[in-house]
Amino acid sequence: AVQCALNRPAFFAERLYNSMKGAGTDDSTLIRIVATRSEIDLVQIKQMFTQMYQKTLATMIASDTSGDYRRLLLAIVG
């Protein structure tokens, strides 16, 4: 809760990273964050993700998903 209050983009960037790291994907977390933050602060989250993990959110989504699911997420992320 404190991290979210202090730096909301970093909080969501970390949650997105954790949903995709390692084997498998936490699809519900990935979809929930991308969909709910897309019109609020997804641009700042993408910037923070790149700063924190030295790779873009789009690159990580592209390598971790496939098919229509990948195309939809990448369309939202931009």
PDB file of N, CA and C in Angstrom:
ATOM      1  N   ALA A   1       0.823  -1.191   0.000  1.00  0.00           N
ATOM      2  CA  ALA A   1       0.000   0.000   0.000  1.00  0.00           C
ATOM      3  C   ALA A   1       0.871   1.262   0.000  1.00  0.00           C
ATOM      4  N   VAL A   2       1.944   1.243   0.785  1.00  0.00           N
ATOM      5  CA  VAL A   2       2.823   2.408   0.856  1.00  0.00           C
ATOM      6  C   VAL A   2       3.507   2.646  -0.484  1.00  0.00           C
ATOM      7  N   GLN A   3       4.010   1.580  -1.112  1.00  0.00           N
ATOM      8  CA  GLN A   3       4.675   1.722  -2.407  1.00  0.00           C
ATOM      9  C   GLN A   3       3.707   2.288  -3.440  1.00  0.00           C
ATOM     10  N   CYS A   4       2.470   1.827  -3.416  1.00  0.00           N
ATOM     11  CA  CYS A   4       1.473   2.322  -4.362  1.00  0.00           C
ATOM     12  C   CYS A   4       1.222   3.806  -4.139  1.00  0.00           C
ATOM     13  N   ALA A   5       1.180   4.221  -2.905  1.00  0.00           N
ATOM     14  CA  ALA A   5       0.939   5.631  -2.601  1.00  0.00           C
ATOM     15  C   ALA A   5       2.124   6.513  -2.979  1.00  0.00           C
ATOM     16  N   LEU A   6       3.340   5.993  -2.795  1.00  0.00           N
ATOM     17  CA  LEU A   6       4.536   6.791  -3.069  1.00  0.00           C
ATOM     18  C   LEU A   6       4.853   6.886  -4.556  1.00  0.00           C
ATOM     19  N   ASN A   7       4.715   5.798  -5.276  1.00  0.00           N
ATOM     20  CA  ASN A   7       5.065   5.797  -6.697  1.00  0.00           C
ATOM     21  C   ASN A   7       4.175   4.795  -7.424  1.00  0.00           C
ATOM     22  N   ARG A   8       2.998   5.252  -7.818  1.00  0.00           N
ATOM     23  CA  ARG A   8       2.010   4.382  -8.436  1.00  0.00           C
ATOM     24  C   ARG A   8       2.529   3.719  -9.721  1.00  0.00           C
ATOM     25  N   PRO A   9       3.188   4.454 -10.654  1.00  0.00           N
ATOM     26  CA  PRO A   9       3.701   3.776 -11.858  1.00  0.00           C
ATOM     27  C   PRO A   9       4.688   2.655 -11.541  1.00  0.00           C
ATOM     28  N   ALA A  10       5.568   2.853 -10.559  1.00  0.00           N
ATOM     29  CA  ALA A  10       6.522   1.813 -10.184  1.00  0.00           C
ATOM     30  C   ALA A  10       5.802   0.603  -9.595  1.00  0.00           C
ATOM     31  N   PHE A  11       4.776   0.851  -8.811  1.00  0.00           N
ATOM     32  CA  PHE A  11       3.981  -0.226  -8.222  1.00  0.00           C
ATOM     33  C   PHE A  11       3.388  -1.112  -9.321  1.00  0.00           C
ATOM     34  N   PHE A  12       2.753  -0.491 -10.311  1.00  0.00           N
ATOM     35  CA  PHE A  12       2.127  -1.268 -11.381  1.00  0.00           C
ATOM     36  C   PHE A  12       3.164  -1.883 -12.320  1.00  0.00           C
ATOM     37  N   ALA A  13       4.280  -1.205 -12.547  1.00  0.00           N
ATOM     38  CA  ALA A  13       5.348  -1.773 -13.380  1.00  0.00           C
ATOM     39  C   ALA A  13       5.878  -3.053 -12.746  1.00  0.00           C
ATOM     40  N   GLU A  14       6.068  -3.035 -11.440  1.00  0.00           N
ATOM     41  CA  GLU A  14       6.548  -4.228 -10.741  1.00  0.00           C
ATOM     42  C   GLU A  14       5.524  -5.356 -10.823  1.00  0.00           C
ATOM     43  N   ARG A  15       4.252  -5.042 -10.657  1.00  0.00           N
ATOM     44  CA  ARG A  15       3.212  -6.070 -10.746  1.00  0.00           C
ATOM     45  C   ARG A  15       3.159  -6.670 -12.150  1.00  0.00           C
ATOM     46  N   LEU A  16       3.302  -5.823 -13.170  1.00  0.00           N
ATOM     47  CA  LEU A  16       3.312  -6.327 -14.547  1.00  0.00           C
ATOM     48  C   LEU A  16       4.512  -7.239 -14.781  1.00  0.00           C
ATOM     49  N   TYR A  17       5.671  -6.814 -14.336  1.00  0.00           N
ATOM     50  CA  TYR A  17       6.877  -7.626 -14.501  1.00  0.00           C
ATOM     51  C   TYR A  17       6.701  -8.987 -13.816  1.00  0.00           C
ATOM     52  N   ASN A  18       6.216  -8.961 -12.582  1.00  0.00           N
ATOM     53  CA  ASN A  18       6.037 -10.205 -11.833  1.00  0.00           C
ATOM     54  C   ASN A  18       5.002 -11.117 -12.481  1.00  0.00           C
ATOM     55  N   SER A  19       4.036 -10.549 -13.180  1.00  0.00           N
ATOM     56  CA  SER A  19       3.018 -11.380 -13.838  1.00  0.00           C
ATOM     57  C   SER A  19       3.582 -12.114 -15.052  1.00  0.00           C
ATOM     58  N   MET A  20       4.715 -11.644 -15.593  1.00  0.00           N
ATOM     59  CA  MET A  20       5.267 -12.244 -16.805  1.00  0.00           C
ATOM     60  C   MET A  20       6.618 -12.926 -16.611  1.00  0.00           C
ATOM     61  N   LYS A  21       7.297 -12.698 -15.493  1.00  0.00           N
ATOM     62  CA  LYS A  21       8.634 -13.277 -15.326  1.00  0.00           C
ATOM     63  C   LYS A  21       8.532 -14.772 -15.100  1.00  0.00           C
ATOM     64  N   GLY A  22       9.605 -15.470 -15.424  1.00  0.00           N
ATOM     65  CA  GLY A  22       9.658 -16.909 -15.213  1.00  0.00           C
ATOM     66  C   GLY A  22       8.734 -17.673 -16.150  1.00  0.00           C
ATOM     67  N   ALA A  23       8.496 -18.916 -15.794  1.00  0.00           N
ATOM     68  CA  ALA A  23       7.649 -19.778 -16.624  1.00  0.00           C
ATOM     69  C   ALA A  23       6.182 -19.431 -16.402  1.00  0.00           C
ATOM     70  N   GLY A  24       5.441 -19.328 -17.489  1.00  0.00           N
ATOM     71  CA  GLY A  24       4.020 -19.035 -17.395  1.00  0.00           C
ATOM     72  C   GLY A  24       3.732 -17.562 -17.204  1.00  0.00           C
ATOM     73  N   THR A  25       2.472 -17.231 -17.339  1.00  0.00           N
ATOM     74  CA  THR A  25       2.030 -15.848 -17.216  1.00  0.00           C
ATOM     75  C   THR A  25       0.821 -15.796 -16.295  1.00  0.00           C
ATOM     76  N   ASP A  26       0.802 -14.818 -15.404  1.00  0.00           N
ATOM     77  CA  ASP A  26      -0.376 -14.568 -14.572  1.00  0.00           C
ATOM     78  C   ASP A  26      -1.302 -13.693 -15.404  1.00  0.00           C
ATOM     79  N   ASP A  27      -2.097 -14.340 -16.245  1.00  0.00           N
ATOM     80  CA  ASP A  27      -2.925 -13.626 -17.214  1.00  0.00           C
ATOM     81  C   ASP A  27      -3.922 -12.675 -16.562  1.00  0.00           C
ATOM     82  N   SER A  28      -4.523 -13.076 -15.461  1.00  0.00           N
ATOM     83  CA  SER A  28      -5.532 -12.214 -14.844  1.00  0.00           C
ATOM     84  C   SER A  28      -4.916 -10.898 -14.370  1.00  0.00           C
ATOM     85  N   THR A  29      -3.730 -10.955 -13.793  1.00  0.00           N
ATOM     86  CA  THR A  29      -3.053  -9.735 -13.344  1.00  0.00           C
ATOM     87  C   THR A  29      -2.655  -8.874 -14.537  1.00  0.00           C
ATOM     88  N   LEU A  30      -2.082  -9.504 -15.547  1.00  0.00           N
ATOM     89  CA  LEU A  30      -1.649  -8.780 -16.742  1.00  0.00           C
ATOM     90  C   LEU A  30      -2.822  -8.062 -17.399  1.00  0.00           C
ATOM     91  N   ILE A  31      -3.907  -8.764 -17.635  1.00  0.00           N
ATOM     92  CA  ILE A  31      -5.084  -8.177 -18.274  1.00  0.00           C
ATOM     93  C   ILE A  31      -5.674  -7.076 -17.405  1.00  0.00           C
ATOM     94  N   ARG A  32      -5.806  -7.352 -16.112  1.00  0.00           N
ATOM     95  CA  ARG A  32      -6.434  -6.382 -15.205  1.00  0.00           C
ATOM     96  C   ARG A  32      -5.670  -5.062 -15.191  1.00  0.00           C
ATOM     97  N   ILE A  33      -4.353  -5.121 -15.067  1.00  0.00           N
ATOM     98  CA  ILE A  33      -3.570  -3.884 -14.988  1.00  0.00           C
ATOM     99  C   ILE A  33      -3.584  -3.144 -16.323  1.00  0.00           C
ATOM    100  N   VAL A  34      -3.341  -3.849 -17.418  1.00  0.00           N
ATOM    101  CA  VAL A  34      -3.302  -3.190 -18.728  1.00  0.00           C
ATOM    102  C   VAL A  34      -4.660  -2.557 -19.036  1.00  0.00           C
ATOM    103  N   ALA A  35      -5.741  -3.285 -18.788  1.00  0.00           N
ATOM    104  CA  ALA A  35      -7.076  -2.770 -19.116  1.00  0.00           C
ATOM    105  C   ALA A  35      -7.487  -1.610 -18.211  1.00  0.00           C
ATOM    106  N   THR A  36      -7.261  -1.757 -16.918  1.00  0.00           N
ATOM    107  CA  THR A  36      -7.746  -0.718 -16.001  1.00  0.00           C
ATOM    108  C   THR A  36      -6.896   0.544 -16.017  1.00  0.00           C
ATOM    109  N   ARG A  37      -5.612   0.431 -16.339  1.00  0.00           N
ATOM    110  CA  ARG A  37      -4.745   1.606 -16.315  1.00  0.00           C
ATOM    111  C   ARG A  37      -4.574   2.238 -17.686  1.00  0.00           C
ATOM    112  N   SER A  38      -5.150   1.636 -18.731  1.00  0.00           N
ATOM    113  CA  SER A  38      -4.897   2.092 -20.104  1.00  0.00           C
ATOM    114  C   SER A  38      -5.291   3.546 -20.343  1.00  0.00           C
ATOM    115  N   GLU A  39      -6.337   4.016 -19.709  1.00  0.00           N
ATOM    116  CA  GLU A  39      -6.766   5.397 -19.925  1.00  0.00           C
ATOM    117  C   GLU A  39      -6.370   6.308 -18.775  1.00  0.00           C
ATOM    118  N   ILE A  40      -5.648   5.789 -17.813  1.00  0.00           N
ATOM    119  CA  ILE A  40      -5.285   6.584 -16.635  1.00  0.00           C
ATOM    120  C   ILE A  40      -3.808   6.965 -16.669  1.00  0.00           C
ATOM    121  N   ASP A  41      -2.936   5.978 -16.523  1.00  0.00           N
ATOM    122  CA  ASP A  41      -1.510   6.287 -16.410  1.00  0.00           C
ATOM    123  C   ASP A  41      -0.615   5.211 -17.033  1.00  0.00           C
ATOM    124  N   LEU A  42      -1.102   4.524 -18.062  1.00  0.00           N
ATOM    125  CA  LEU A  42      -0.306   3.462 -18.678  1.00  0.00           C
ATOM    126  C   LEU A  42       0.971   4.006 -19.312  1.00  0.00           C
ATOM    127  N   VAL A  43       0.948   5.237 -19.803  1.00  0.00           N
ATOM    128  CA  VAL A  43       2.160   5.829 -20.398  1.00  0.00           C
ATOM    129  C   VAL A  43       3.259   5.934 -19.340  1.00  0.00           C
ATOM    130  N   GLN A  44       2.918   6.411 -18.149  1.00  0.00           N
ATOM    131  CA  GLN A  44       3.904   6.522 -17.076  1.00  0.00           C
ATOM    132  C   GLN A  44       4.358   5.146 -16.599  1.00  0.00           C
ATOM    133  N   ILE A  45       3.446   4.182 -16.566  1.00  0.00           N
ATOM    134  CA  ILE A  45       3.797   2.824 -16.163  1.00  0.00           C
ATOM    135  C   ILE A  45       4.784   2.231 -17.161  1.00  0.00           C
ATOM    136  N   LYS A  46       4.550   2.435 -18.458  1.00  0.00           N
ATOM    137  CA  LYS A  46       5.471   1.928 -19.488  1.00  0.00           C
ATOM    138  C   LYS A  46       6.855   2.553 -19.329  1.00  0.00           C
ATOM    139  N   GLN A  47       6.921   3.845 -19.065  1.00  0.00           N
ATOM    140  CA  GLN A  47       8.207   4.518 -18.882  1.00  0.00           C
ATOM    141  C   GLN A  47       8.935   3.966 -17.658  1.00  0.00           C
ATOM    142  N   MET A  48       8.220   3.782 -16.565  1.00  0.00           N
ATOM    143  CA  MET A  48       8.815   3.258 -15.334  1.00  0.00           C
ATOM    144  C   MET A  48       9.262   1.818 -15.540  1.00  0.00           C
ATOM    145  N   PHE A  49       8.483   1.026 -16.273  1.00  0.00           N
ATOM    146  CA  PHE A  49       8.839  -0.365 -16.561  1.00  0.00           C
ATOM    147  C   PHE A  49      10.180  -0.415 -17.285  1.00  0.00           C
ATOM    148  N   THR A  50      10.353   0.444 -18.286  1.00  0.00           N
ATOM    149  CA  THR A  50      11.605   0.481 -19.046  1.00  0.00           C
ATOM    150  C   THR A  50      12.769   0.888 -18.148  1.00  0.00           C
ATOM    151  N   GLN A  51      12.569   1.867 -17.285  1.00  0.00           N
ATOM    152  CA  GLN A  51      13.622   2.294 -16.355  1.00  0.00           C
ATOM    153  C   GLN A  51      14.008   1.181 -15.396  1.00  0.00           C
ATOM    154  N   MET A  52      13.023   0.479 -14.886  1.00  0.00           N
ATOM    155  CA  MET A  52      13.265  -0.524 -13.859  1.00  0.00           C
ATOM    156  C   MET A  52      13.859  -1.824 -14.409  1.00  0.00           C
ATOM    157  N   TYR A  53      13.461  -2.204 -15.629  1.00  0.00           N
ATOM    158  CA  TYR A  53      13.817  -3.538 -16.130  1.00  0.00           C
ATOM    159  C   TYR A  53      14.611  -3.522 -17.438  1.00  0.00           C
ATOM    160  N   GLN A  54      14.975  -2.358 -17.946  1.00  0.00           N
ATOM    161  CA  GLN A  54      15.782  -2.206 -19.157  1.00  0.00           C
ATOM    162  C   GLN A  54      15.209  -2.953 -20.364  1.00  0.00           C
ATOM    163  N   LYS A  55      13.910  -3.094 -20.406  1.00  0.00           N
ATOM    164  CA  LYS A  55      13.204  -3.621 -21.573  1.00  0.00           C
ATOM    165  C   LYS A  55      11.818  -3.001 -21.575  1.00  0.00           C
ATOM    166  N   THR A  56      11.246  -2.888 -22.758  1.00  0.00           N
ATOM    167  CA  THR A  56       9.943  -2.242 -22.820  1.00  0.00           C
ATOM    168  C   THR A  56       8.846  -3.224 -22.423  1.00  0.00           C
ATOM    169  N   LEU A  57       7.744  -2.680 -21.970  1.00  0.00           N
ATOM    170  CA  LEU A  57       6.590  -3.497 -21.622  1.00  0.00           C
ATOM    171  C   LEU A  57       6.096  -4.250 -22.855  1.00  0.00           C
ATOM    172  N   ALA A  58       6.063  -3.578 -23.997  1.00  0.00           N
ATOM    173  CA  ALA A  58       5.603  -4.212 -25.234  1.00  0.00           C
ATOM    174  C   ALA A  58       6.490  -5.398 -25.610  1.00  0.00           C
ATOM    175  N   THR A  59       7.802  -5.263 -25.457  1.00  0.00           N
ATOM    176  CA  THR A  59       8.726  -6.349 -25.766  1.00  0.00           C
ATOM    177  C   THR A  59       8.463  -7.554 -24.869  1.00  0.00           C
ATOM    178  N   MET A  60       8.246  -7.302 -23.603  1.00  0.00           N
ATOM    179  CA  MET A  60       8.017  -8.408 -22.674  1.00  0.00           C
ATOM    180  C   MET A  60       6.670  -9.074 -22.943  1.00  0.00           C
ATOM    181  N   ILE A  61       5.645  -8.274 -23.252  1.00  0.00           N
ATOM    182  CA  ILE A  61       4.337  -8.848 -23.591  1.00  0.00           C
ATOM    183  C   ILE A  61       4.455  -9.691 -24.855  1.00  0.00           C
ATOM    184  N   ALA A  62       5.165  -9.181 -25.859  1.00  0.00           N
ATOM    185  CA  ALA A  62       5.314  -9.902 -27.129  1.00  0.00           C
ATOM    186  C   ALA A  62       6.035 -11.233 -26.936  1.00  0.00           C
ATOM    187  N   SER A  63       7.010 -11.278 -26.025  1.00  0.00           N
ATOM    188  CA  SER A  63       7.757 -12.518 -25.826  1.00  0.00           C
ATOM    189  C   SER A  63       7.031 -13.500 -24.910  1.00  0.00           C
ATOM    190  N   ASP A  64       6.039 -13.022 -24.167  1.00  0.00           N
ATOM    191  CA  ASP A  64       5.387 -13.868 -23.165  1.00  0.00           C
ATOM    192  C   ASP A  64       3.980 -14.321 -23.553  1.00  0.00           C
ATOM    193  N   THR A  65       3.426 -13.755 -24.629  1.00  0.00           N
ATOM    194  CA  THR A  65       2.060 -14.086 -25.041  1.00  0.00           C
ATOM    195  C   THR A  65       2.051 -14.462 -26.514  1.00  0.00           C
ATOM    196  N   SER A  66       0.886 -14.860 -27.019  1.00  0.00           N
ATOM    197  CA  SER A  66       0.800 -15.235 -28.427  1.00  0.00           C
ATOM    198  C   SER A  66      -0.606 -15.003 -28.973  1.00  0.00           C
ATOM    199  N   GLY A  67      -0.720 -15.058 -30.280  1.00  0.00           N
ATOM    200  CA  GLY A  67      -2.013 -15.010 -30.966  1.00  0.00           C
ATOM    201  C   GLY A  67      -2.772 -13.708 -30.797  1.00  0.00           C
ATOM    202  N   ASP A  68      -4.092 -13.840 -30.799  1.00  0.00           N
ATOM    203  CA  ASP A  68      -4.970 -12.676 -30.664  1.00  0.00           C
ATOM    204  C   ASP A  68      -4.771 -11.991 -29.316  1.00  0.00           C
ATOM    205  N   TYR A  69      -4.488 -12.779 -28.304  1.00  0.00           N
ATOM    206  CA  TYR A  69      -4.220 -12.252 -26.964  1.00  0.00           C
ATOM    207  C   TYR A  69      -3.053 -11.268 -27.015  1.00  0.00           C
ATOM    208  N   ARG A  70      -1.964 -11.652 -27.687  1.00  0.00           N
ATOM    209  CA  ARG A  70      -0.802 -10.786 -27.848  1.00  0.00           C
ATOM    210  C   ARG A  70      -1.175  -9.526 -28.617  1.00  0.00           C
ATOM    211  N   ARG A  71      -1.873  -9.692 -29.734  1.00  0.00           N
ATOM    212  CA  ARG A  71      -2.236  -8.532 -30.563  1.00  0.00           C
ATOM    213  C   ARG A  71      -3.113  -7.541 -29.786  1.00  0.00           C
ATOM    214  N   LEU A  72      -4.046  -8.051 -29.001  1.00  0.00           N
ATOM    215  CA  LEU A  72      -4.928  -7.184 -28.219  1.00  0.00           C
ATOM    216  C   LEU A  72      -4.138  -6.410 -27.164  1.00  0.00           C
ATOM    217  N   LEU A  73      -3.289  -7.104 -26.399  1.00  0.00           N
ATOM    218  CA  LEU A  73      -2.500  -6.421 -25.381  1.00  0.00           C
ATOM    219  C   LEU A  73      -1.563  -5.381 -25.991  1.00  0.00           C
ATOM    220  N   LEU A  74      -0.910  -5.741 -27.101  1.00  0.00           N
ATOM    221  CA  LEU A  74      -0.002  -4.789 -27.746  1.00  0.00           C
ATOM    222  C   LEU A  74      -0.748  -3.594 -28.320  1.00  0.00           C
ATOM    223  N   ALA A  75      -1.964  -3.803 -28.798  1.00  0.00           N
ATOM    224  CA  ALA A  75      -2.766  -2.684 -29.294  1.00  0.00           C
ATOM    225  C   ALA A  75      -3.109  -1.716 -28.161  1.00  0.00           C
ATOM    226  N   ILE A  76      -3.413  -2.248 -27.006  1.00  0.00           N
ATOM    227  CA  ILE A  76      -3.722  -1.390 -25.858  1.00  0.00           C
ATOM    228  C   ILE A  76      -2.470  -0.674 -25.362  1.00  0.00           C
ATOM    229  N   VAL A  77      -1.367  -1.420 -25.260  1.00  0.00           N
ATOM    230  CA  VAL A  77      -0.115  -0.842 -24.750  1.00  0.00           C
ATOM    231  C   VAL A  77       0.456   0.171 -25.736  1.00  0.00           C
ATOM    232  N   GLY A  78       0.287  -0.080 -27.015  1.00  0.00           N
ATOM    233  CA  GLY A  78       0.732   0.870 -28.031  1.00  0.00           C
ATOM    234  C   GLY A  78       2.155   0.705 -28.445  1.00  0.00           C
TER     235      GLY A  78
END
